[in-house]
Amino acid sequence: MFESKFHDHTLGSVPQRPNIKTDLFNNLKIYVYDLPSKFNKDWLENNRCSNHLFAAEVALHKALLSLDGDVRTKDPYEADFFFLPVYVSCNFSTINGFPAIGHARSLIKDAIGLVSAQYPFWNRTNGSDHVFIATHDFGSCFHTMEDRAIADGVPKILKNSIVLQTFGVSYSHPCQEVENVVIPPYVSPESFQRTQKNIPVAKERDIWVFFRGKMEIHPKNISGRFYSKQIRTEIWRSYGGDRRFYLQRQRFAGYQSEIARSVFCLCPLGWAPWSPRLVESVILGCVPVIIADGIRLPFPSAVRWPEISLTVSERDVGKLGEILEHVAATNLSVIHKNLENSSIKQALMFNVPPREGDATWQILEALSKKLNRSVRRSNIFV
């Protein structure tokens, strides 16, 4: 997974207010806690914090701040929901580049302790109208390894709250045993603009199947765990010498230009089932080939995933060639036409300020359907 650079690392200036009115979301009102900088702004000293695949926590915070006077309210007593902007995915190990989120539980606990001591809102509902964001591998379990994430589970202090998380599966899993909304991973809008600007107008897609990323030949790492359940290793072993497959294991800053040249883009699971490749493929018009059994995808009402992507079961990865050949011979043109829908692309992007139909918009719509948790509404309609 590769990140593009985005150099706006401050929360100081808020862009011009977008035209997002509360009546679009059943007069939804959100109060954004003004937490001390140690919970968010201080983390922005790490330049990756605002642009890596976990950066939806930063982008959404900025987007909500830009909604002052519309969805965002400065009066907590008129709020339906309360957003705690705690960044927990910004800390990276200097040794291996993996996110170090062991601090997440204590950081969130401290933030809750602070707002519950200074305000009455957490205590009156035990946090059921409070919203958090968890954008790393296994969401609100706050660990990058699934076995450890499952063992730790969702912190008891968060059990009543709403968590916006990139992790989601269609089966029972301890890391989604909390009210949650599945959101897309973050990819910088500016990186897409630069890529699209450099694509020749009449350029045909000359790569049939594309994947660039970690594909270990010997996947059992020092932890004793198998990365990607050995799926990526199987792809490399089966198709590394196949001329139809453009498989690359090294980093390349211009990899988005390769996506824009590709017909099919493989999106296999890593440690977790989701990947930023899902977003990048859709926006750059490459058919995402999802290889992650049971994955729950973001915003299914806005993004009709079955119409724009392919799902291949993990056990069938050795048949990828024939599966994709069949699709190419049957309904590939229909899928590509569906991918041209600009509203689908918009729904997966975090813009600051937000735009109609974008990822922030989709989150607000999802929250507007959970207004039964709002104390304000219960007081109004009693």
Foldseek 3Di string as FASTA:
>chain_A
DDWDFDQPLALPDADAADPDACVVLVNAAEEEDPDPCVQPSVLSVQRCCCIDQQNPLVLLVSQLVSNDPGRYDNDVVQHQAYEYSGDQQSDADPPPRHGDRPCVVVSVVVSVVVCVVVDVPCVVQLALRYEYEAEDFLGQLRDLAQVSSQVSAHDPSQQNYEYEYCFDFQDDGRSPNHHYAHAGTAGDPVVVVVLVVPDDPPQAQPQEEEDEEAADCPQQDPVRDGWLNNLSNLLCVQPVPPRNYDYHHDDDNNCLNNLLSYAEYEQGQTSHQHDNVVLSNLLSLHAYEREGPRTDHHPCVQAVNVLQHHYDYSVCSSVVVVVSVVCVVPPSVRNSVVSVPVLNSQCRHRDRNHDPNHVSNSVSNVVSVVSVSGPSVVVVPD
